[in-house]
Amino acid sequence: MYAFIHYYRRTRRNKMVKTNVTVISNFIFLGFSYYPKVDIAIFVLCLLMYLITLLGNMILISITILDSHLHTPMYFFLSNLSVLDIWYTSSALTPMLVNFVSGKNTISFSGCATQMYFSLAMGSTECVLLSVMAYDRYVAICNPLRYPIIMNKRVCVQIAAGTWVTGCLTALVGTMSVLHQSLCGNSIINHFTCEILAVLKLVCSDTSKVQLIMLVISILLLPMPMLFICLSYAFILSNILRIGSVDGRSKAFSTCAAHLTVVILFYGTALSMYLKPSAVDSQEIDKFMAFVYAGLTPMLNPIIYSLRNKEVKAAVKKLLIRHPLRALLIPSSK
């Protein structure tokens, strides 16, 4: 990734020297500077969201590793989602928190490119992963007898690896297409992070090709996975309604409701951000949407899955209560 950044930065510098365009080495974030009275409130809110995201997702990852009852495809993909959320939130919110404490709202060109890449990579990977999780639920509910065969360990690892590779390669294409453009000396980003659409607005050359690339990426990663999820849950719903047991139906609804809530939160904000009409272009709305899917959604994911899932709640209690008590009792028995 850094090799690509340095290559494009060198190419961009050579191009700018020929066209007498100022080379940009640092960017300035406007962030929420239009609302100076709520600066501290936004900082505290972001800090709390970041800490809760770290704590919640780390607990979720820990229990899926430590509790053998959770060594299933669903929790394997859920732990991947938790890793994504930690990485995604860290790439978006950590620089903003550091800038607030230091009093500097600047970031280097390489830092901005890296942040743009990782934010886009984690978001793209999550789009694919959520559709994979919908397919996992479809197989588990509609083909329960064949579920262990279809979603065996090897297949799960291959699918998870495929989602990460797809997200990272897609982000590489999108990021490099923006970095290859000339920015004409404008170094002020009207955002709190190096969000790709915000950086694209600094470009003074023709951006039709880049916009076409972003449109294709957005269609591949947003409406298409969303359509796949809707189809999966249509089959799941029809199958759930045939279940005679009330307990079985309730458990299936509970598991699927948690995933659907996460899907609506993530895709709702992402669709309104990347596929909105050009007439509704508002940078302040974009900041709010980015704030939701970069901070709020990753924070709510572990809460939604734990509150709606008896297995997760039981595993958390076992991790936080039974193990410490056992550790205290063993020395005393000796």
C-alpha atoms as a PDB file:
ATOM      1  CA  MET A   1       0.000   0.000   0.000  1.00  0.00           C
ATOM      2  CA  TYR A   2       2.768   2.479   0.942  1.00  0.00           C
ATOM      3  CA  ALA A   3       4.684   1.639  -2.243  1.00  0.00           C
ATOM      4  CA  PHE A   4       1.605   2.564  -4.310  1.00  0.00           C
ATOM      5  CA  ILE A   5       1.190   5.799  -2.342  1.00  0.00           C
ATOM      6  CA  HIS A   6       4.795   6.871  -2.880  1.00  0.00           C
ATOM      7  CA  TYR A   7       4.629   5.909  -6.554  1.00  0.00           C
ATOM      8  CA  TYR A   8       1.496   7.974  -7.200  1.00  0.00           C
ATOM      9  CA  ARG A   9       2.789  10.823  -5.088  1.00  0.00           C
ATOM     10  CA  ARG A  10       5.994  10.940  -7.170  1.00  0.00           C
ATOM     11  CA  THR A  11       3.984  10.727 -10.416  1.00  0.00           C
ATOM     12  CA  ARG A  12       1.615  13.461  -9.208  1.00  0.00           C
ATOM     13  CA  ARG A  13       4.568  15.693  -8.241  1.00  0.00           C
ATOM     14  CA  ASN A  14       6.133  15.323 -11.681  1.00  0.00           C
ATOM     15  CA  LYS A  15       2.796  16.096 -13.344  1.00  0.00           C
ATOM     16  CA  MET A  16       2.290  19.158 -11.158  1.00  0.00           C
ATOM     17  CA  VAL A  17       5.764  20.500 -11.858  1.00  0.00           C
ATOM     18  CA  LYS A  18       4.988  20.404 -15.585  1.00  0.00           C
ATOM     19  CA  THR A  19       1.649  22.181 -15.129  1.00  0.00           C
ATOM     20  CA  ASN A  20       2.805  24.692 -12.443  1.00  0.00           C
ATOM     21  CA  VAL A  21       0.332  23.297  -9.891  1.00  0.00           C
ATOM     22  CA  THR A  22       1.145  23.513  -6.181  1.00  0.00           C
ATOM     23  CA  VAL A  23       2.217  20.238  -4.584  1.00  0.00           C
ATOM     24  CA  ILE A  24       0.175  19.440  -1.484  1.00  0.00           C
ATOM     25  CA  SER A  25       2.030  17.824   1.410  1.00  0.00           C
ATOM     26  CA  ASN A  26      -0.624  18.329   4.108  1.00  0.00           C
ATOM     27  CA  PHE A  27      -4.385  18.566   4.298  1.00  0.00           C
ATOM     28  CA  ILE A  28      -6.487  20.607   6.735  1.00  0.00           C
ATOM     29  CA  PHE A  29      -9.731  19.212   8.160  1.00  0.00           C
ATOM     30  CA  LEU A  30     -12.635  21.597   8.693  1.00  0.00           C
ATOM     31  CA  GLY A  31     -14.404  18.899  10.684  1.00  0.00           C
ATOM     32  CA  PHE A  32     -17.224  20.377  12.748  1.00  0.00           C
ATOM     33  CA  SER A  33     -15.665  23.847  12.893  1.00  0.00           C
ATOM     34  CA  TYR A  34     -18.999  25.387  11.863  1.00  0.00           C
ATOM     35  CA  TYR A  35     -20.297  24.319  15.272  1.00  0.00           C
ATOM     36  CA  PRO A  36     -17.613  25.598  17.703  1.00  0.00           C
ATOM     37  CA  LYS A  37     -19.957  25.509  20.701  1.00  0.00           C
ATOM     38  CA  VAL A  38     -20.344  21.733  20.506  1.00  0.00           C
ATOM     39  CA  ASP A  39     -16.691  20.860  19.855  1.00  0.00           C
ATOM     40  CA  ILE A  40     -16.142  19.382  23.315  1.00  0.00           C
ATOM     41  CA  ALA A  41     -19.457  17.524  23.213  1.00  0.00           C
ATOM     42  CA  ILE A  42     -18.534  15.961  19.850  1.00  0.00           C
ATOM     43  CA  PHE A  43     -15.098  14.984  21.177  1.00  0.00           C
ATOM     44  CA  VAL A  44     -16.579  13.325  24.295  1.00  0.00           C
ATOM     45  CA  LEU A  45     -19.220  11.560  22.191  1.00  0.00           C
ATOM     46  CA  CYS A  46     -16.605  10.265  19.728  1.00  0.00           C
ATOM     47  CA  LEU A  47     -14.325   9.125  22.554  1.00  0.00           C
ATOM     48  CA  LEU A  48     -17.161   7.250  24.277  1.00  0.00           C
ATOM     49  CA  MET A  49     -18.254   5.665  20.995  1.00  0.00           C
ATOM     50  CA  TYR A  50     -14.700   4.584  20.223  1.00  0.00           C
ATOM     51  CA  LEU A  51     -14.117   3.089  23.685  1.00  0.00           C
ATOM     52  CA  ILE A  52     -17.469   1.266  23.667  1.00  0.00           C
ATOM     53  CA  THR A  53     -16.709  -0.039  20.153  1.00  0.00           C
ATOM     54  CA  LEU A  54     -13.321  -1.357  21.254  1.00  0.00           C
ATOM     55  CA  LEU A  55     -14.670  -2.921  24.451  1.00  0.00           C
ATOM     56  CA  GLY A  56     -17.794  -4.459  22.911  1.00  0.00           C
ATOM     57  CA  ASN A  57     -16.090  -5.914  19.860  1.00  0.00           C
ATOM     58  CA  MET A  58     -13.083  -7.186  21.810  1.00  0.00           C
ATOM     59  CA  ILE A  59     -15.434  -8.992  24.225  1.00  0.00           C
ATOM     60  CA  LEU A  60     -17.303 -10.473  21.254  1.00  0.00           C
ATOM     61  CA  ILE A  61     -14.050 -11.682  19.673  1.00  0.00           C
ATOM     62  CA  SER A  62     -12.843 -13.091  23.014  1.00  0.00           C
ATOM     63  CA  ILE A  63     -15.964 -15.128  23.715  1.00  0.00           C
ATOM     64  CA  THR A  64     -16.054 -16.573  20.188  1.00  0.00           C
ATOM     65  CA  ILE A  65     -12.487 -17.794  20.719  1.00  0.00           C
ATOM     66  CA  LEU A  66     -12.792 -18.979  24.337  1.00  0.00           C
ATOM     67  CA  ASP A  67     -16.272 -20.531  24.294  1.00  0.00           C
ATOM     68  CA  SER A  68     -16.344 -23.809  22.337  1.00  0.00           C
ATOM     69  CA  HIS A  69     -20.140 -23.542  21.956  1.00  0.00           C
ATOM     70  CA  LEU A  70     -19.600 -20.513  19.723  1.00  0.00           C
ATOM     71  CA  HIS A  71     -17.201 -22.251  17.334  1.00  0.00           C
ATOM     72  CA  THR A  72     -19.775 -22.130  14.551  1.00  0.00           C
ATOM     73  CA  PRO A  73     -19.834 -20.392  11.134  1.00  0.00           C
ATOM     74  CA  MET A  74     -22.209 -17.676  12.372  1.00  0.00           C
ATOM     75  CA  TYR A  75     -19.885 -16.600  15.188  1.00  0.00           C
ATOM     76  CA  PHE A  76     -16.824 -16.995  12.985  1.00  0.00           C
ATOM     77  CA  PHE A  77     -18.256 -14.413  10.584  1.00  0.00           C
ATOM     78  CA  LEU A  78     -19.425 -12.312  13.520  1.00  0.00           C
ATOM     79  CA  SER A  79     -15.874 -12.185  14.892  1.00  0.00           C
ATOM     80  CA  ASN A  80     -14.691 -11.072  11.439  1.00  0.00           C
ATOM     81  CA  LEU A  81     -17.303  -8.303  11.587  1.00  0.00           C
ATOM     82  CA  SER A  82     -15.959  -7.255  15.001  1.00  0.00           C
ATOM     83  CA  VAL A  83     -12.390  -7.058  13.673  1.00  0.00           C
ATOM     84  CA  LEU A  84     -13.675  -4.958  10.765  1.00  0.00           C
ATOM     85  CA  ASP A  85     -15.550  -2.604  13.102  1.00  0.00           C
ATOM     86  CA  ILE A  86     -12.495  -2.068  15.334  1.00  0.00           C
ATOM     87  CA  TRP A  87     -10.254  -1.367  12.347  1.00  0.00           C
ATOM     88  CA  TYR A  88     -12.847   0.793  10.596  1.00  0.00           C
ATOM     89  CA  THR A  89     -13.574   2.958  13.641  1.00  0.00           C
ATOM     90  CA  SER A  90      -9.879   3.269  14.475  1.00  0.00           C
ATOM     91  CA  SER A  91      -9.039   4.505  10.980  1.00  0.00           C
ATOM     92  CA  ALA A  92     -11.838   7.106  11.030  1.00  0.00           C
ATOM     93  CA  LEU A  93     -12.143   8.326  14.629  1.00  0.00           C
ATOM     94  CA  THR A  94      -8.628   7.958  16.104  1.00  0.00           C
ATOM     95  CA  PRO A  95      -7.011  10.685  13.914  1.00  0.00           C
ATOM     96  CA  MET A  96      -9.896  13.033  14.721  1.00  0.00           C
ATOM     97  CA  LEU A  97      -9.489  12.438  18.474  1.00  0.00           C
ATOM     98  CA  VAL A  98      -5.711  12.934  18.235  1.00  0.00           C
ATOM     99  CA  ASN A  99      -6.159  16.171  16.262  1.00  0.00           C
ATOM    100  CA  PHE A 100      -8.621  17.482  18.831  1.00  0.00           C
ATOM    101  CA  VAL A 101      -6.224  16.821  21.721  1.00  0.00           C
ATOM    102  CA  SER A 102      -3.185  18.222  19.886  1.00  0.00           C
ATOM    103  CA  GLY A 103      -5.105  21.221  18.530  1.00  0.00           C
ATOM    104  CA  LYS A 104      -3.957  20.460  14.976  1.00  0.00           C
ATOM    105  CA  ASN A 105      -6.471  19.654  12.270  1.00  0.00           C
ATOM    106  CA  THR A 106      -3.878  18.566   9.720  1.00  0.00           C
ATOM    107  CA  ILE A 107      -2.831  15.289   8.142  1.00  0.00           C
ATOM    108  CA  SER A 108      -0.011  14.450   5.735  1.00  0.00           C
ATOM    109  CA  PHE A 109      -0.664  13.373   2.159  1.00  0.00           C
ATOM    110  CA  SER A 110       0.540   9.827   2.916  1.00  0.00           C
ATOM    111  CA  GLY A 111      -1.528   9.746   6.114  1.00  0.00           C
ATOM    112  CA  CYS A 112      -4.629  10.899   4.251  1.00  0.00           C
ATOM    113  CA  ALA A 113      -4.112   8.323   1.494  1.00  0.00           C
ATOM    114  CA  THR A 114      -3.635   5.555   4.059  1.00  0.00           C
ATOM    115  CA  GLN A 115      -6.709   6.607   6.031  1.00  0.00           C
ATOM    116  CA  MET A 116      -8.770   6.823   2.846  1.00  0.00           C
ATOM    117  CA  TYR A 117      -7.668   3.359   1.757  1.00  0.00           C
ATOM    118  CA  PHE A 118      -8.304   1.582   5.060  1.00  0.00           C
ATOM    119  CA  SER A 119     -11.667   3.275   5.637  1.00  0.00           C
ATOM    120  CA  LEU A 120     -12.821   2.329   2.142  1.00  0.00           C
ATOM    121  CA  ALA A 121     -11.352  -1.185   2.441  1.00  0.00           C
ATOM    122  CA  MET A 122     -13.067  -1.922   5.749  1.00  0.00           C
ATOM    123  CA  GLY A 123     -16.377  -0.473   4.550  1.00  0.00           C
ATOM    124  CA  SER A 124     -16.230  -2.444   1.281  1.00  0.00           C
ATOM    125  CA  THR A 125     -15.347  -5.665   3.111  1.00  0.00           C
ATOM    126  CA  GLU A 126     -18.262  -5.165   5.518  1.00  0.00           C
ATOM    127  CA  CYS A 127     -20.671  -4.800   2.578  1.00  0.00           C
ATOM    128  CA  VAL A 128     -19.627  -8.212   1.262  1.00  0.00           C
ATOM    129  CA  LEU A 129     -19.418  -9.798   4.729  1.00  0.00           C
ATOM    130  CA  LEU A 130     -22.989  -8.854   5.646  1.00  0.00           C
ATOM    131  CA  SER A 131     -24.258 -10.606   2.514  1.00  0.00           C
ATOM    132  CA  VAL A 132     -22.168 -13.661   3.424  1.00  0.00           C
ATOM    133  CA  MET A 133     -23.721 -13.673   6.900  1.00  0.00           C
ATOM    134  CA  ALA A 134     -27.182 -13.575   5.286  1.00  0.00           C
ATOM    135  CA  TYR A 135     -26.261 -16.601   3.163  1.00  0.00           C
ATOM    136  CA  ASP A 136     -25.019 -18.397   6.290  1.00  0.00           C
ATOM    137  CA  ARG A 137     -28.391 -17.809   7.999  1.00  0.00           C
ATOM    138  CA  TYR A 138     -30.201 -18.980   4.850  1.00  0.00           C
ATOM    139  CA  VAL A 139     -28.305 -22.288   4.802  1.00  0.00           C
ATOM    140  CA  ALA A 140     -28.682 -22.770   8.578  1.00  0.00           C
ATOM    141  CA  ILE A 141     -32.470 -22.273   8.552  1.00  0.00           C
ATOM    142  CA  CYS A 142     -33.468 -23.591   5.130  1.00  0.00           C
ATOM    143  CA  ASN A 143     -31.001 -26.515   4.939  1.00  0.00           C
ATOM    144  CA  PRO A 144     -30.243 -27.419   8.576  1.00  0.00           C
ATOM    145  CA  LEU A 145     -29.247 -31.043   7.852  1.00  0.00           C
ATOM    146  CA  ARG A 146     -26.719 -30.068   5.188  1.00  0.00           C
ATOM    147  CA  TYR A 147     -25.520 -26.959   7.052  1.00  0.00           C
ATOM    148  CA  PRO A 148     -22.409 -28.574   8.656  1.00  0.00           C
ATOM    149  CA  ILE A 149     -21.387 -29.962   5.259  1.00  0.00           C
ATOM    150  CA  ILE A 150     -22.023 -26.812   3.198  1.00  0.00           C
ATOM    151  CA  MET A 151     -20.558 -24.379   5.737  1.00  0.00           C
ATOM    152  CA  ASN A 152     -17.610 -26.441   6.916  1.00  0.00           C
ATOM    153  CA  LYS A 153     -14.505 -24.839   8.417  1.00  0.00           C
ATOM    154  CA  ARG A 154     -12.535 -24.776   5.169  1.00  0.00           C
ATOM    155  CA  VAL A 155     -15.379 -23.160   3.224  1.00  0.00           C
ATOM    156  CA  CYS A 156     -15.896 -20.524   5.948  1.00  0.00           C
ATOM    157  CA  VAL A 157     -12.209 -19.573   5.930  1.00  0.00           C
ATOM    158  CA  GLN A 158     -12.202 -19.351   2.126  1.00  0.00           C
ATOM    159  CA  ILE A 159     -15.350 -17.196   2.084  1.00  0.00           C
ATOM    160  CA  ALA A 160     -13.994 -14.891   4.801  1.00  0.00           C
ATOM    161  CA  ALA A 161     -10.677 -14.543   2.967  1.00  0.00           C
ATOM    162  CA  GLY A 162     -12.562 -13.787  -0.242  1.00  0.00           C
ATOM    163  CA  THR A 163     -14.529 -10.969   1.419  1.00  0.00           C
ATOM    164  CA  TRP A 164     -11.332  -9.372   2.753  1.00  0.00           C
ATOM    165  CA  VAL A 165      -9.541  -9.650  -0.599  1.00  0.00           C
ATOM    166  CA  THR A 166     -12.562  -8.234  -2.466  1.00  0.00           C
ATOM    167  CA  GLY A 167     -12.848  -5.268  -0.086  1.00  0.00           C
ATOM    168  CA  CYS A 168      -9.120  -4.493  -0.128  1.00  0.00           C
ATOM    169  CA  LEU A 169      -8.771  -4.720  -3.916  1.00  0.00           C
ATOM    170  CA  THR A 170     -11.879  -2.606  -4.474  1.00  0.00           C
ATOM    171  CA  ALA A 171     -10.541   0.040  -2.071  1.00  0.00           C
ATOM    172  CA  LEU A 172      -7.176   0.000  -3.847  1.00  0.00           C
ATOM    173  CA  VAL A 173      -8.838   0.743  -7.201  1.00  0.00           C
ATOM    174  CA  GLY A 174     -10.960   3.553  -5.734  1.00  0.00           C
ATOM    175  CA  THR A 175      -8.143   5.136  -3.735  1.00  0.00           C
ATOM    176  CA  MET A 176      -5.594   5.085  -6.559  1.00  0.00           C
ATOM    177  CA  SER A 177      -8.095   6.569  -9.010  1.00  0.00           C
ATOM    178  CA  VAL A 178      -8.477   9.588  -6.682  1.00  0.00           C
ATOM    179  CA  LEU A 179      -4.762   9.908  -5.820  1.00  0.00           C
ATOM    180  CA  HIS A 180      -3.925  10.057  -9.524  1.00  0.00           C
ATOM    181  CA  GLN A 181      -5.853  13.339  -9.897  1.00  0.00           C
ATOM    182  CA  SER A 182      -4.444  16.872  -9.574  1.00  0.00           C
ATOM    183  CA  LEU A 183      -5.654  18.780  -6.504  1.00  0.00           C
ATOM    184  CA  CYS A 184      -4.666  22.300  -7.672  1.00  0.00           C
ATOM    185  CA  GLY A 185      -3.322  23.464  -4.314  1.00  0.00           C
ATOM    186  CA  ASN A 186      -6.627  23.210  -2.458  1.00  0.00           C
ATOM    187  CA  SER A 187      -5.731  21.457   0.795  1.00  0.00           C
ATOM    188  CA  ILE A 188      -8.865  22.090   2.904  1.00  0.00           C
ATOM    189  CA  ILE A 189     -11.067  19.018   3.370  1.00  0.00           C
ATOM    190  CA  ASN A 190     -14.581  19.863   4.519  1.00  0.00           C
ATOM    191  CA  HIS A 191     -14.821  16.703   6.621  1.00  0.00           C
ATOM    192  CA  PHE A 192     -13.444  15.166   9.833  1.00  0.00           C
ATOM    193  CA  THR A 193     -11.672  12.358   7.954  1.00  0.00           C
ATOM    194  CA  CYS A 194     -10.135  11.675   4.546  1.00  0.00           C
ATOM    195  CA  GLU A 195     -13.403  10.346   3.180  1.00  0.00           C
ATOM    196  CA  ILE A 196     -12.974   9.570  -0.518  1.00  0.00           C
ATOM    197  CA  LEU A 197     -15.890  11.737  -1.726  1.00  0.00           C
ATOM    198  CA  ALA A 198     -14.668  14.707   0.330  1.00  0.00           C
ATOM    199  CA  VAL A 199     -11.152  14.416  -1.135  1.00  0.00           C
ATOM    200  CA  LEU A 200     -12.587  14.035  -4.636  1.00  0.00           C
ATOM    201  CA  LYS A 201     -14.165  17.493  -4.298  1.00  0.00           C
ATOM    202  CA  LEU A 202     -10.649  19.009  -4.132  1.00  0.00           C
ATOM    203  CA  VAL A 203      -9.843  17.806  -7.650  1.00  0.00           C
ATOM    204  CA  CYS A 204      -9.868  20.555 -10.288  1.00  0.00           C
ATOM    205  CA  SER A 205      -9.464  18.320 -13.348  1.00  0.00           C
ATOM    206  CA  ASP A 206     -12.165  16.261 -15.049  1.00  0.00           C
ATOM    207  CA  THR A 207     -13.424  13.654 -12.560  1.00  0.00           C
ATOM    208  CA  SER A 208     -15.911  11.864 -14.831  1.00  0.00           C
ATOM    209  CA  LYS A 209     -13.759   8.706 -15.017  1.00  0.00           C
ATOM    210  CA  VAL A 210     -13.254   8.628 -11.242  1.00  0.00           C
ATOM    211  CA  GLN A 211     -16.969   9.194 -10.653  1.00  0.00           C
ATOM    212  CA  LEU A 212     -17.751   6.348 -13.044  1.00  0.00           C
ATOM    213  CA  ILE A 213     -15.359   4.054 -11.160  1.00  0.00           C
ATOM    214  CA  MET A 214     -16.935   5.059  -7.831  1.00  0.00           C
ATOM    215  CA  LEU A 215     -20.433   4.509  -9.253  1.00  0.00           C
ATOM    216  CA  VAL A 216     -19.535   0.995 -10.443  1.00  0.00           C
ATOM    217  CA  ILE A 217     -17.925   0.169  -7.075  1.00  0.00           C
ATOM    218  CA  SER A 218     -20.932   1.559  -5.196  1.00  0.00           C
ATOM    219  CA  ILE A 219     -23.400  -0.481  -7.284  1.00  0.00           C
ATOM    220  CA  LEU A 220     -21.348  -3.668  -6.856  1.00  0.00           C
ATOM    221  CA  LEU A 221     -20.992  -3.218  -3.097  1.00  0.00           C
ATOM    222  CA  LEU A 222     -24.315  -1.671  -2.071  1.00  0.00           C
ATOM    223  CA  PRO A 223     -27.473  -2.483  -4.111  1.00  0.00           C
ATOM    224  CA  MET A 224     -26.257  -5.917  -5.273  1.00  0.00           C
ATOM    225  CA  PRO A 225     -25.353  -7.309  -1.809  1.00  0.00           C
ATOM    226  CA  MET A 226     -28.519  -5.656  -0.452  1.00  0.00           C
ATOM    227  CA  LEU A 227     -30.594  -7.462  -3.104  1.00  0.00           C
ATOM    228  CA  PHE A 228     -28.873 -10.738  -2.225  1.00  0.00           C
ATOM    229  CA  ILE A 229     -29.643 -10.179   1.480  1.00  0.00           C
ATOM    230  CA  CYS A 230     -33.308  -9.408   0.724  1.00  0.00           C
ATOM    231  CA  LEU A 231     -33.651 -12.583  -1.355  1.00  0.00           C
ATOM    232  CA  SER A 232     -31.968 -14.657   1.357  1.00  0.00           C
ATOM    233  CA  TYR A 233     -34.316 -13.330   4.010  1.00  0.00           C
ATOM    234  CA  ALA A 234     -37.356 -13.814   1.794  1.00  0.00           C
ATOM    235  CA  PHE A 235     -36.535 -17.541   1.652  1.00  0.00           C
ATOM    236  CA  ILE A 236     -35.697 -17.532   5.371  1.00  0.00           C
ATOM    237  CA  LEU A 237     -39.007 -15.886   6.287  1.00  0.00           C
ATOM    238  CA  SER A 238     -41.036 -18.342   4.219  1.00  0.00           C
ATOM    239  CA  ASN A 239     -39.176 -21.216   5.898  1.00  0.00           C
ATOM    240  CA  ILE A 240     -39.602 -19.789   9.419  1.00  0.00           C
ATOM    241  CA  LEU A 241     -43.357 -19.510   8.952  1.00  0.00           C
ATOM    242  CA  ARG A 242     -43.453 -23.265   8.294  1.00  0.00           C
ATOM    243  CA  ILE A 243     -41.742 -24.102  11.587  1.00  0.00           C
ATOM    244  CA  GLY A 244     -44.277 -25.752  13.889  1.00  0.00           C
ATOM    245  CA  SER A 245     -42.375 -25.186  17.158  1.00  0.00           C
ATOM    246  CA  VAL A 246     -42.969 -21.785  18.750  1.00  0.00           C
ATOM    247  CA  ASP A 247     -39.536 -21.877  20.426  1.00  0.00           C
ATOM    248  CA  GLY A 248     -37.819 -22.752  17.163  1.00  0.00           C
ATOM    249  CA  ARG A 249     -39.628 -19.977  15.334  1.00  0.00           C
ATOM    250  CA  SER A 250     -38.783 -17.480  18.073  1.00  0.00           C
ATOM    251  CA  LYS A 251     -35.088 -18.418  18.049  1.00  0.00           C
ATOM    252  CA  ALA A 252     -34.887 -18.112  14.258  1.00  0.00           C
ATOM    253  CA  PHE A 253     -36.621 -14.722  14.311  1.00  0.00           C
ATOM    254  CA  SER A 254     -34.334 -13.485  17.105  1.00  0.00           C
ATOM    255  CA  THR A 255     -31.131 -14.447  15.286  1.00  0.00           C
ATOM    256  CA  CYS A 256     -32.284 -12.966  11.985  1.00  0.00           C
ATOM    257  CA  ALA A 257     -33.625  -9.763  13.599  1.00  0.00           C
ATOM    258  CA  ALA A 258     -30.181  -8.933  14.990  1.00  0.00           C
ATOM    259  CA  HIS A 259     -28.554  -9.322  11.572  1.00  0.00           C
ATOM    260  CA  LEU A 260     -31.301  -7.374   9.802  1.00  0.00           C
ATOM    261  CA  THR A 261     -30.954  -4.488  12.278  1.00  0.00           C
ATOM    262  CA  VAL A 262     -27.217  -4.267  11.528  1.00  0.00           C
ATOM    263  CA  VAL A 263     -27.892  -4.463   7.775  1.00  0.00           C
ATOM    264  CA  ILE A 264     -30.468  -1.641   7.861  1.00  0.00           C
ATOM    265  CA  LEU A 265     -28.183   0.617   9.916  1.00  0.00           C
ATOM    266  CA  PHE A 266     -25.119   0.055   7.731  1.00  0.00           C
ATOM    267  CA  TYR A 267     -26.669  -0.061   4.267  1.00  0.00           C
ATOM    268  CA  GLY A 268     -29.147   2.719   5.034  1.00  0.00           C
ATOM    269  CA  THR A 269     -26.407   5.242   5.790  1.00  0.00           C
ATOM    270  CA  ALA A 270     -24.040   3.951   3.086  1.00  0.00           C
ATOM    271  CA  LEU A 271     -26.701   4.090   0.352  1.00  0.00           C
ATOM    272  CA  SER A 272     -27.727   7.630   1.314  1.00  0.00           C
ATOM    273  CA  MET A 273     -24.048   8.601   1.241  1.00  0.00           C
ATOM    274  CA  TYR A 274     -22.755   7.061  -1.987  1.00  0.00           C
ATOM    275  CA  LEU A 275     -25.855   6.733  -4.182  1.00  0.00           C
ATOM    276  CA  LYS A 276     -27.748   9.908  -3.373  1.00  0.00           C
ATOM    277  CA  PRO A 277     -28.809  12.251  -6.231  1.00  0.00           C
ATOM    278  CA  SER A 278     -26.319  15.003  -7.078  1.00  0.00           C
ATOM    279  CA  ALA A 279     -29.023  17.603  -6.356  1.00  0.00           C
ATOM    280  CA  VAL A 280     -29.019  16.536  -2.693  1.00  0.00           C
ATOM    281  CA  ASP A 281     -25.275  17.106  -2.254  1.00  0.00           C
ATOM    282  CA  SER A 282     -24.718  18.509   1.243  1.00  0.00           C
ATOM    283  CA  GLN A 283     -21.357  18.200   2.968  1.00  0.00           C
ATOM    284  CA  GLU A 284     -22.888  18.600   6.421  1.00  0.00           C
ATOM    285  CA  ILE A 285     -25.273  15.700   5.751  1.00  0.00           C
ATOM    286  CA  ASP A 286     -22.311  13.665   4.448  1.00  0.00           C
ATOM    287  CA  LYS A 287     -20.442  14.310   7.699  1.00  0.00           C
ATOM    288  CA  PHE A 288     -23.406  13.165   9.736  1.00  0.00           C
ATOM    289  CA  MET A 289     -23.818  10.003   7.634  1.00  0.00           C
ATOM    290  CA  ALA A 290     -20.088   9.244   7.882  1.00  0.00           C
ATOM    291  CA  PHE A 291     -20.305   9.806  11.639  1.00  0.00           C
ATOM    292  CA  VAL A 292     -23.135   7.247  11.833  1.00  0.00           C
ATOM    293  CA  TYR A 293     -21.562   4.438   9.800  1.00  0.00           C
ATOM    294  CA  ALA A 294     -17.995   5.040  11.043  1.00  0.00           C
ATOM    295  CA  GLY A 295     -18.834   5.473  14.717  1.00  0.00           C
ATOM    296  CA  LEU A 296     -22.387   4.630  15.680  1.00  0.00           C
ATOM    297  CA  THR A 297     -22.894   1.427  13.658  1.00  0.00           C
ATOM    298  CA  PRO A 298     -19.662  -0.314  14.819  1.00  0.00           C
ATOM    299  CA  MET A 299     -20.566   0.599  18.406  1.00  0.00           C
ATOM    300  CA  LEU A 300     -24.099  -0.807  18.118  1.00  0.00           C
ATOM    301  CA  ASN A 301     -23.157  -4.051  16.329  1.00  0.00           C
ATOM    302  CA  PRO A 302     -21.902  -5.980  19.408  1.00  0.00           C
ATOM    303  CA  ILE A 303     -24.717  -4.526  21.533  1.00  0.00           C
ATOM    304  CA  ILE A 304     -27.384  -5.633  19.033  1.00  0.00           C
ATOM    305  CA  TYR A 305     -25.953  -9.133  18.677  1.00  0.00           C
ATOM    306  CA  SER A 306     -25.500  -9.622  22.425  1.00  0.00           C
ATOM    307  CA  LEU A 307     -28.903  -8.258  23.462  1.00  0.00           C
ATOM    308  CA  ARG A 308     -30.767 -10.357  20.885  1.00  0.00           C
ATOM    309  CA  ASN A 309     -28.762 -13.543  21.378  1.00  0.00           C
ATOM    310  CA  LYS A 310     -29.044 -15.837  24.398  1.00  0.00           C
ATOM    311  CA  GLU A 311     -25.891 -17.753  23.451  1.00  0.00           C
ATOM    312  CA  VAL A 312     -23.789 -14.582  23.403  1.00  0.00           C
ATOM    313  CA  LYS A 313     -25.226 -13.362  26.714  1.00  0.00           C
ATOM    314  CA  ALA A 314     -24.528 -16.745  28.318  1.00  0.00           C
ATOM    315  CA  ALA A 315     -20.962 -16.732  26.983  1.00  0.00           C
ATOM    316  CA  VAL A 316     -20.359 -13.189  28.268  1.00  0.00           C
ATOM    317  CA  LYS A 317     -21.601 -14.153  31.737  1.00  0.00           C
ATOM    318  CA  LYS A 318     -19.356 -17.207  31.689  1.00  0.00           C
ATOM    319  CA  LEU A 319     -16.356 -15.112  30.670  1.00  0.00           C
ATOM    320  CA  LEU A 320     -16.916 -12.250  33.119  1.00  0.00           C
ATOM    321  CA  ILE A 321     -18.269 -14.165  36.143  1.00  0.00           C
ATOM    322  CA  ARG A 322     -17.378 -17.844  36.237  1.00  0.00           C
ATOM    323  CA  HIS A 323     -13.717 -17.627  35.244  1.00  0.00           C
ATOM    324  CA  PRO A 324     -12.714 -14.908  37.758  1.00  0.00           C
ATOM    325  CA  LEU A 325     -14.537 -16.778  40.565  1.00  0.00           C
ATOM    326  CA  ARG A 326     -12.785 -20.005  39.660  1.00  0.00           C
ATOM    327  CA  ALA A 327      -9.424 -18.243  39.645  1.00  0.00           C
ATOM    328  CA  LEU A 328     -10.082 -16.924  43.149  1.00  0.00           C
ATOM    329  CA  LEU A 329     -11.311 -20.274  44.530  1.00  0.00           C
ATOM    330  CA  ILE A 330      -8.438 -22.448  43.296  1.00  0.00           C
ATOM    331  CA  PRO A 331      -5.698 -20.815  45.454  1.00  0.00           C
ATOM    332  CA  SER A 332      -7.923 -20.864  48.551  1.00  0.00           C
ATOM    333  CA  SER A 333      -8.636 -24.592  48.167  1.00  0.00           C
ATOM    334  CA  LYS A 334      -4.955 -25.315  48.302  1.00  0.00           C
END
